[in-house]
Amino acid sequence: MMGAMITAAELPAATRRSSDLSKHSAEVFAEAENHPVTVTRRDGEALVLMSQREAEGRSRLLNFAAQLITVTLDESGSLAERMAKAFPWMLALSPADRETCAQNLVDAARASFSTDQPHLAIAELTSWKETATAIAAGLRSADHDWLDDDETVERP
């Protein structure tokens, strides 16, 4: 029987007692830099300790999700056309690239939501936006005489 793949969303959350913060704070903080840590308290609701990077990633993912929901509620035009309304920088891409971008963003968002890994969608969004920005700046039409048209380079 093949082993089941465990996603990050299925891993048990790290849990520490509030007393660990005073007794072993450096250890708890180091753990929270890697992943959110639930801190249980006898006198109140449990708290979650996480890095600012993690919190900002989750916030950016929620903002992205809100934009995607807006796109899905719009019934006019193709997915790429609706996405370009929400993300106007997509207009710098060719029509074919807009289609690819739209599908890649939706796929990355679904992967992020299902694995609780915000960086998947945020990295895809950032990559496409930077590509569109470079195209808008004219980098695509730059003269590349130094490139040998006959030489093919494999992707890493």
N, C-alpha and C. Protein backbone atom coordinates (compact mmCIF):
# COMPACT_ATOMS: atom_id res chain seq x y z
N MET A 1 0.84 -1.19 0.00
CA MET A 1 0.00 0.00 0.00
C MET A 1 0.88 1.24 0.00
N MET A 2 0.56 2.20 -0.85
CA MET A 2 1.34 3.43 -0.93
C MET A 2 1.01 4.33 0.24
N GLY A 3 2.01 5.07 0.74
CA GLY A 3 1.80 5.99 1.85
C GLY A 3 0.97 7.18 1.41
N ALA A 4 0.12 7.65 2.27
CA ALA A 4 -0.71 8.80 1.95
C ALA A 4 0.11 10.07 2.09
N MET A 5 -0.10 11.00 1.18
CA MET A 5 0.59 12.27 1.25
C MET A 5 -0.14 13.16 2.26
N ILE A 6 0.60 13.75 3.16
CA ILE A 6 0.01 14.61 4.18
C ILE A 6 0.23 16.05 3.77
N THR A 7 -0.84 16.83 3.68
CA THR A 7 -0.72 18.24 3.34
C THR A 7 -0.54 19.05 4.62
N ALA A 8 -0.06 20.28 4.45
CA ALA A 8 0.17 21.14 5.61
C ALA A 8 -1.11 21.38 6.38
N ALA A 9 -2.24 21.44 5.67
CA ALA A 9 -3.51 21.70 6.34
C ALA A 9 -3.91 20.54 7.26
N GLU A 10 -3.37 19.32 7.00
CA GLU A 10 -3.73 18.17 7.82
C GLU A 10 -2.79 17.95 9.00
N LEU A 11 -1.64 18.63 8.99
CA LEU A 11 -0.70 18.45 10.09
C LEU A 11 -1.28 19.02 11.37
N PRO A 12 -1.03 18.36 12.48
CA PRO A 12 -1.55 18.90 13.74
C PRO A 12 -0.87 20.24 14.05
N ALA A 13 -1.65 21.17 14.52
CA ALA A 13 -1.10 22.48 14.87
C ALA A 13 -0.22 22.35 16.10
N ALA A 14 0.87 23.11 16.10
CA ALA A 14 1.74 23.12 17.28
C ALA A 14 1.00 23.81 18.41
N THR A 15 1.01 23.19 19.56
CA THR A 15 0.31 23.75 20.72
C THR A 15 1.27 23.84 21.89
N ARG A 16 1.26 24.98 22.56
CA ARG A 16 2.07 25.21 23.75
C ARG A 16 1.19 25.80 24.84
N ARG A 17 1.59 25.55 26.06
CA ARG A 17 0.89 26.17 27.20
C ARG A 17 1.42 27.58 27.39
N SER A 18 0.60 28.44 27.94
CA SER A 18 1.02 29.83 28.16
C SER A 18 2.25 29.90 29.06
N SER A 19 2.39 28.95 29.96
CA SER A 19 3.57 28.95 30.84
C SER A 19 4.86 28.71 30.06
N ASP A 20 4.76 28.05 28.88
CA ASP A 20 5.95 27.85 28.04
C ASP A 20 6.52 29.17 27.54
N LEU A 21 5.66 30.17 27.41
CA LEU A 21 6.14 31.47 26.94
C LEU A 21 7.12 32.10 27.94
N SER A 22 6.86 31.91 29.21
CA SER A 22 7.79 32.47 30.20
C SER A 22 8.97 31.54 30.47
N LYS A 23 8.73 30.24 30.45
CA LYS A 23 9.80 29.29 30.76
C LYS A 23 10.70 28.99 29.56
N HIS A 24 10.13 28.95 28.38
CA HIS A 24 10.88 28.55 27.18
C HIS A 24 10.58 29.51 26.02
N SER A 25 10.60 30.80 26.29
CA SER A 25 10.17 31.76 25.27
C SER A 25 10.99 31.68 23.98
N ALA A 26 12.30 31.55 24.08
CA ALA A 26 13.13 31.49 22.86
C ALA A 26 12.73 30.31 21.99
N GLU A 27 12.45 29.18 22.62
CA GLU A 27 12.05 27.98 21.88
C GLU A 27 10.69 28.17 21.21
N VAL A 28 9.75 28.76 21.94
CA VAL A 28 8.41 28.99 21.39
C VAL A 28 8.47 30.00 20.25
N PHE A 29 9.26 31.07 20.43
CA PHE A 29 9.39 32.07 19.38
C PHE A 29 10.04 31.48 18.13
N ALA A 30 11.04 30.66 18.31
CA ALA A 30 11.70 30.01 17.17
C ALA A 30 10.71 29.12 16.42
N GLU A 31 9.89 28.41 17.16
CA GLU A 31 8.87 27.55 16.55
C GLU A 31 7.85 28.39 15.77
N ALA A 32 7.45 29.53 16.36
CA ALA A 32 6.46 30.40 15.72
C ALA A 32 7.00 31.05 14.45
N GLU A 33 8.32 31.16 14.33
CA GLU A 33 8.90 31.69 13.10
C GLU A 33 8.71 30.71 11.94
N ASN A 34 8.59 29.42 12.25
CA ASN A 34 8.42 28.39 11.22
C ASN A 34 6.97 28.11 10.88
N HIS A 35 6.09 28.21 11.87
CA HIS A 35 4.67 27.94 11.66
C HIS A 35 3.89 28.47 12.85
N PRO A 36 2.60 28.77 12.65
CA PRO A 36 1.79 29.28 13.76
C PRO A 36 1.76 28.30 14.94
N VAL A 37 1.78 28.85 16.13
CA VAL A 37 1.74 28.06 17.36
C VAL A 37 0.52 28.49 18.17
N THR A 38 -0.31 27.53 18.54
CA THR A 38 -1.45 27.81 19.40
C THR A 38 -0.98 27.80 20.84
N VAL A 39 -1.29 28.88 21.56
CA VAL A 39 -0.92 29.00 22.97
C VAL A 39 -2.20 28.87 23.79
N THR A 40 -2.27 27.79 24.56
CA THR A 40 -3.46 27.55 25.37
C THR A 40 -3.31 28.27 26.71
N ARG A 41 -4.45 28.72 27.21
CA ARG A 41 -4.47 29.42 28.51
C ARG A 41 -5.57 28.84 29.37
N ARG A 42 -5.30 28.71 30.65
CA ARG A 42 -6.34 28.22 31.57
C ARG A 42 -7.43 29.25 31.79
N ASP A 43 -7.05 30.54 31.72
CA ASP A 43 -7.99 31.60 32.08
C ASP A 43 -8.60 32.32 30.87
N GLY A 44 -8.43 31.77 29.70
CA GLY A 44 -9.01 32.46 28.55
C GLY A 44 -8.89 31.65 27.26
N GLU A 45 -9.34 32.26 26.22
CA GLU A 45 -9.32 31.64 24.90
C GLU A 45 -7.88 31.43 24.42
N ALA A 46 -7.66 30.37 23.68
CA ALA A 46 -6.33 30.10 23.12
C ALA A 46 -5.96 31.22 22.14
N LEU A 47 -4.67 31.50 22.06
CA LEU A 47 -4.15 32.52 21.16
C LEU A 47 -3.23 31.84 20.15
N VAL A 48 -3.02 32.50 19.01
CA VAL A 48 -2.11 31.97 17.99
C VAL A 48 -0.95 32.94 17.84
N LEU A 49 0.25 32.39 17.94
CA LEU A 49 1.47 33.17 17.78
C LEU A 49 2.08 32.80 16.43
N MET A 50 2.31 33.81 15.58
CA MET A 50 2.87 33.55 14.26
C MET A 50 3.75 34.72 13.86
N SER A 51 4.58 34.49 12.84
CA SER A 51 5.44 35.56 12.35
C SER A 51 4.59 36.61 11.63
N GLN A 52 5.13 37.81 11.55
CA GLN A 52 4.44 38.87 10.82
C GLN A 52 4.33 38.48 9.35
N ARG A 53 5.35 37.83 8.80
CA ARG A 53 5.33 37.37 7.42
C ARG A 53 4.14 36.44 7.18
N GLU A 54 3.92 35.51 8.12
CA GLU A 54 2.79 34.57 8.02
C GLU A 54 1.47 35.32 8.08
N ALA A 55 1.34 36.25 9.01
CA ALA A 55 0.10 37.01 9.15
C ALA A 55 -0.17 37.85 7.91
N GLU A 56 0.87 38.49 7.36
CA GLU A 56 0.70 39.30 6.16
C GLU A 56 0.34 38.42 4.96
N GLY A 57 0.94 37.24 4.88
CA GLY A 57 0.60 36.31 3.80
C GLY A 57 -0.86 35.91 3.84
N ARG A 58 -1.35 35.63 5.03
CA ARG A 58 -2.76 35.26 5.19
C ARG A 58 -3.68 36.43 4.83
N SER A 59 -3.28 37.63 5.22
CA SER A 59 -4.07 38.82 4.90
C SER A 59 -4.10 39.06 3.40
N ARG A 60 -2.95 38.92 2.73
CA ARG A 60 -2.89 39.10 1.28
C ARG A 60 -3.73 38.03 0.57
N LEU A 61 -3.70 36.81 1.10
CA LEU A 61 -4.49 35.74 0.50
C LEU A 61 -5.99 36.04 0.63
N LEU A 62 -6.41 36.54 1.79
CA LEU A 62 -7.83 36.89 1.96
C LEU A 62 -8.24 38.02 1.02
N ASN A 63 -7.36 39.00 0.83
CA ASN A 63 -7.63 40.09 -0.11
C ASN A 63 -7.76 39.54 -1.53
N PHE A 64 -6.85 38.64 -1.90
CA PHE A 64 -6.89 38.00 -3.21
C PHE A 64 -8.18 37.21 -3.37
N ALA A 65 -8.58 36.49 -2.32
CA ALA A 65 -9.83 35.71 -2.35
C ALA A 65 -11.03 36.62 -2.58
N ALA A 66 -11.04 37.78 -1.92
CA ALA A 66 -12.14 38.73 -2.11
C ALA A 66 -12.21 39.20 -3.56
N GLN A 67 -11.04 39.45 -4.17
CA GLN A 67 -11.02 39.86 -5.57
C GLN A 67 -11.52 38.74 -6.48
N LEU A 68 -11.13 37.50 -6.18
CA LEU A 68 -11.59 36.37 -6.99
C LEU A 68 -13.09 36.16 -6.87
N ILE A 69 -13.63 36.39 -5.68
CA ILE A 69 -15.08 36.26 -5.50
C ILE A 69 -15.80 37.32 -6.34
N THR A 70 -15.26 38.51 -6.36
CA THR A 70 -15.83 39.57 -7.19
C THR A 70 -15.82 39.16 -8.66
N VAL A 71 -14.73 38.55 -9.10
CA VAL A 71 -14.60 38.09 -10.48
C VAL A 71 -15.67 37.03 -10.78
N THR A 72 -15.90 36.12 -9.85
CA THR A 72 -16.86 35.05 -10.10
C THR A 72 -18.30 35.56 -10.13
N LEU A 73 -18.57 36.65 -9.44
CA LEU A 73 -19.93 37.21 -9.42
C LEU A 73 -20.26 37.97 -10.70
N ASP A 74 -19.23 38.40 -11.42
CA ASP A 74 -19.41 39.10 -12.69
C ASP A 74 -19.67 38.03 -13.75
N GLU A 75 -20.78 38.15 -14.46
CA GLU A 75 -21.15 37.13 -15.44
C GLU A 75 -20.85 37.54 -16.87
N SER A 76 -20.25 38.71 -17.08
CA SER A 76 -20.00 39.18 -18.45
C SER A 76 -18.54 38.94 -18.84
N GLY A 77 -18.36 38.27 -19.98
CA GLY A 77 -17.02 38.06 -20.50
C GLY A 77 -16.38 36.77 -20.02
N SER A 78 -15.22 36.49 -20.60
CA SER A 78 -14.46 35.29 -20.24
C SER A 78 -13.80 35.49 -18.87
N LEU A 79 -13.26 34.42 -18.34
CA LEU A 79 -12.54 34.51 -17.08
C LEU A 79 -11.42 35.54 -17.18
N ALA A 80 -10.66 35.50 -18.27
CA ALA A 80 -9.55 36.44 -18.44
C ALA A 80 -10.03 37.89 -18.49
N GLU A 81 -11.15 38.13 -19.16
CA GLU A 81 -11.70 39.49 -19.24
C GLU A 81 -12.16 39.97 -17.87
N ARG A 82 -12.82 39.09 -17.12
CA ARG A 82 -13.28 39.46 -15.78
C ARG A 82 -12.10 39.68 -14.84
N MET A 83 -11.07 38.84 -14.98
CA MET A 83 -9.88 38.98 -14.13
C MET A 83 -9.16 40.29 -14.42
N ALA A 84 -9.12 40.69 -15.70
CA ALA A 84 -8.45 41.93 -16.08
C ALA A 84 -9.16 43.16 -15.49
N LYS A 85 -10.46 43.04 -15.22
CA LYS A 85 -11.18 44.12 -14.54
C LYS A 85 -10.70 44.26 -13.10
N ALA A 86 -10.49 43.12 -12.44
CA ALA A 86 -10.04 43.13 -11.05
C ALA A 86 -8.56 43.43 -10.94
N PHE A 87 -7.79 43.02 -11.95
CA PHE A 87 -6.34 43.20 -11.97
C PHE A 87 -5.96 43.89 -13.28
N PRO A 88 -6.11 45.21 -13.35
CA PRO A 88 -5.88 45.94 -14.60
C PRO A 88 -4.48 45.77 -15.18
N TRP A 89 -3.50 45.43 -14.37
CA TRP A 89 -2.14 45.21 -14.87
C TRP A 89 -2.12 44.06 -15.89
N MET A 90 -3.13 43.17 -15.86
CA MET A 90 -3.20 42.07 -16.82
C MET A 90 -3.35 42.57 -18.26
N LEU A 91 -3.83 43.80 -18.43
CA LEU A 91 -4.02 44.35 -19.77
C LEU A 91 -2.70 44.54 -20.51
N ALA A 92 -1.59 44.54 -19.78
CA ALA A 92 -0.27 44.64 -20.42
C ALA A 92 0.13 43.32 -21.08
N LEU A 93 -0.54 42.23 -20.70
CA LEU A 93 -0.25 40.91 -21.26
C LEU A 93 -0.97 40.71 -22.58
N SER A 94 -0.47 39.83 -23.41
CA SER A 94 -1.17 39.49 -24.65
C SER A 94 -2.47 38.77 -24.28
N PRO A 95 -3.45 38.74 -25.19
CA PRO A 95 -4.70 38.01 -24.89
C PRO A 95 -4.45 36.56 -24.49
N ALA A 96 -3.54 35.87 -25.15
CA ALA A 96 -3.25 34.47 -24.80
C ALA A 96 -2.63 34.38 -23.41
N ASP A 97 -1.74 35.32 -23.10
CA ASP A 97 -1.12 35.31 -21.77
C ASP A 97 -2.13 35.66 -20.68
N ARG A 98 -3.11 36.50 -21.01
CA ARG A 98 -4.16 36.81 -20.03
C ARG A 98 -4.94 35.56 -19.68
N GLU A 99 -5.24 34.74 -20.69
CA GLU A 99 -5.96 33.48 -20.45
C GLU A 99 -5.13 32.57 -19.54
N THR A 100 -3.85 32.43 -19.86
CA THR A 100 -2.96 31.59 -19.06
C THR A 100 -2.84 32.14 -17.64
N CYS A 101 -2.64 33.44 -17.54
CA CYS A 101 -2.51 34.09 -16.23
C CYS A 101 -3.76 33.85 -15.39
N ALA A 102 -4.93 34.08 -15.97
CA ALA A 102 -6.19 33.92 -15.23
C ALA A 102 -6.32 32.51 -14.69
N GLN A 103 -6.06 31.51 -15.52
CA GLN A 103 -6.18 30.12 -15.07
C GLN A 103 -5.12 29.79 -14.03
N ASN A 104 -3.88 30.27 -14.23
CA ASN A 104 -2.81 30.02 -13.26
C ASN A 104 -3.15 30.63 -11.90
N LEU A 105 -3.72 31.83 -11.90
CA LEU A 105 -4.07 32.48 -10.63
C LEU A 105 -5.18 31.72 -9.90
N VAL A 106 -6.18 31.27 -10.65
CA VAL A 106 -7.26 30.49 -10.03
C VAL A 106 -6.71 29.18 -9.48
N ASP A 107 -5.87 28.50 -10.25
CA ASP A 107 -5.29 27.23 -9.79
C ASP A 107 -4.42 27.43 -8.56
N ALA A 108 -3.60 28.48 -8.56
CA ALA A 108 -2.73 28.75 -7.40
C ALA A 108 -3.57 29.10 -6.17
N ALA A 109 -4.64 29.84 -6.37
CA ALA A 109 -5.52 30.19 -5.25
C ALA A 109 -6.16 28.93 -4.66
N ARG A 110 -6.64 28.06 -5.53
CA ARG A 110 -7.24 26.81 -5.04
C ARG A 110 -6.22 25.98 -4.26
N ALA A 111 -5.00 25.92 -4.76
CA ALA A 111 -3.94 25.18 -4.06
C ALA A 111 -3.66 25.82 -2.71
N SER A 112 -3.58 27.15 -2.67
CA SER A 112 -3.33 27.85 -1.41
C SER A 112 -4.43 27.60 -0.40
N PHE A 113 -5.68 27.71 -0.85
CA PHE A 113 -6.81 27.52 0.06
C PHE A 113 -6.86 26.10 0.60
N SER A 114 -6.58 25.13 -0.25
CA SER A 114 -6.71 23.73 0.16
C SER A 114 -5.53 23.23 0.99
N THR A 115 -4.40 23.90 0.92
CA THR A 115 -3.22 23.46 1.69
C THR A 115 -2.85 24.42 2.81
N ASP A 116 -3.59 25.51 2.94
CA ASP A 116 -3.29 26.53 3.95
C ASP A 116 -1.88 27.09 3.77
N GLN A 117 -1.51 27.29 2.51
CA GLN A 117 -0.19 27.81 2.16
C GLN A 117 -0.36 29.09 1.32
N PRO A 118 -0.50 30.24 1.96
CA PRO A 118 -0.75 31.49 1.23
C PRO A 118 0.30 31.81 0.18
N HIS A 119 1.54 31.40 0.40
CA HIS A 119 2.61 31.79 -0.51
C HIS A 119 2.42 31.25 -1.92
N LEU A 120 1.68 30.16 -2.10
CA LEU A 120 1.47 29.62 -3.45
C LEU A 120 0.75 30.63 -4.34
N ALA A 121 -0.36 31.15 -3.87
CA ALA A 121 -1.14 32.11 -4.66
C ALA A 121 -0.43 33.45 -4.73
N ILE A 122 0.16 33.88 -3.64
CA ILE A 122 0.82 35.19 -3.62
C ILE A 122 2.02 35.20 -4.55
N ALA A 123 2.78 34.10 -4.59
CA ALA A 123 3.94 34.02 -5.49
C ALA A 123 3.49 34.05 -6.95
N GLU A 124 2.40 33.35 -7.27
CA GLU A 124 1.88 33.34 -8.65
C GLU A 124 1.39 34.73 -9.04
N LEU A 125 0.66 35.37 -8.14
CA LEU A 125 0.15 36.71 -8.39
C LEU A 125 1.30 37.69 -8.60
N THR A 126 2.30 37.63 -7.73
CA THR A 126 3.46 38.53 -7.83
C THR A 126 4.23 38.29 -9.12
N SER A 127 4.42 37.04 -9.47
CA SER A 127 5.16 36.71 -10.69
C SER A 127 4.48 37.25 -11.93
N TRP A 128 3.18 37.04 -12.04
CA TRP A 128 2.45 37.53 -13.21
C TRP A 128 2.42 39.06 -13.23
N LYS A 129 2.23 39.68 -12.08
CA LYS A 129 2.19 41.15 -12.04
C LYS A 129 3.54 41.73 -12.44
N GLU A 130 4.63 41.13 -11.97
CA GLU A 130 5.96 41.61 -12.34
C GLU A 130 6.22 41.40 -13.83
N THR A 131 5.73 40.30 -14.39
CA THR A 131 5.86 40.07 -15.83
C THR A 131 5.12 41.14 -16.60
N ALA A 132 3.88 41.44 -16.20
CA ALA A 132 3.10 42.47 -16.87
C ALA A 132 3.77 43.83 -16.75
N THR A 133 4.33 44.12 -15.60
CA THR A 133 5.02 45.39 -15.39
C THR A 133 6.24 45.50 -16.30
N ALA A 134 6.99 44.41 -16.43
CA ALA A 134 8.17 44.40 -17.30
C ALA A 134 7.76 44.60 -18.77
N ILE A 135 6.68 43.96 -19.17
CA ILE A 135 6.19 44.12 -20.55
C ILE A 135 5.75 45.56 -20.78
N ALA A 136 5.03 46.12 -19.81
CA ALA A 136 4.57 47.50 -19.93
C ALA A 136 5.74 48.47 -20.01
N ALA A 137 6.85 48.12 -19.36
CA ALA A 137 8.05 48.97 -19.38
C ALA A 137 8.84 48.81 -20.67
N GLY A 138 8.38 47.89 -21.54
CA GLY A 138 9.03 47.71 -22.83
C GLY A 138 10.16 46.71 -22.84
N LEU A 139 10.30 45.92 -21.81
CA LEU A 139 11.41 44.98 -21.75
C LEU A 139 11.27 43.85 -22.77
N ARG A 140 10.07 43.55 -23.18
CA ARG A 140 9.87 42.47 -24.15
C ARG A 140 10.45 42.86 -25.51
N SER A 141 10.37 44.14 -25.86
CA SER A 141 10.82 44.57 -27.17
C SER A 141 12.29 45.00 -27.19
N ALA A 142 13.00 44.75 -26.13
CA ALA A 142 14.41 45.13 -26.06
C ALA A 142 15.22 44.37 -27.09
N ASP A 143 16.29 44.99 -27.53
CA ASP A 143 17.18 44.38 -28.51
C ASP A 143 18.06 43.36 -27.81
N HIS A 144 17.99 42.12 -28.25
CA HIS A 144 18.75 41.04 -27.63
C HIS A 144 19.74 40.44 -28.62
N ASP A 145 20.56 41.29 -29.27
CA ASP A 145 21.53 40.79 -30.25
C ASP A 145 22.51 39.81 -29.63
N TRP A 146 22.75 39.92 -28.34
CA TRP A 146 23.72 39.06 -27.69
C TRP A 146 23.22 37.63 -27.54
N LEU A 147 21.91 37.42 -27.79
CA LEU A 147 21.38 36.06 -27.74
C LEU A 147 21.60 35.36 -29.07
N ASP A 148 22.00 34.12 -29.02
CA ASP A 148 22.18 33.32 -30.22
C ASP A 148 20.85 32.64 -30.52
N ASP A 149 20.20 32.99 -31.62
CA ASP A 149 18.89 32.45 -31.97
C ASP A 149 18.92 30.94 -32.17
N ASP A 150 20.09 30.38 -32.50
CA ASP A 150 20.18 28.96 -32.76
C ASP A 150 20.39 28.12 -31.51
N GLU A 151 20.67 28.77 -30.41
CA GLU A 151 20.99 28.04 -29.18
C GLU A 151 19.75 27.90 -28.31
N THR A 152 19.45 26.69 -27.90
CA THR A 152 18.31 26.41 -27.05
C THR A 152 18.83 26.09 -25.65
N VAL A 153 18.20 26.66 -24.67
CA VAL A 153 18.59 26.41 -23.28
C VAL A 153 17.43 25.74 -22.59
N GLU A 154 17.71 24.64 -21.90
CA GLU A 154 16.66 23.93 -21.17
C GLU A 154 16.30 24.66 -19.91
N ARG A 155 15.03 24.55 -19.52
CA ARG A 155 14.59 25.14 -18.27
C ARG A 155 15.18 24.35 -17.11
N PRO A 156 15.51 25.01 -16.02
CA PRO A 156 16.05 24.27 -14.86
C PRO A 156 15.03 23.38 -14.23
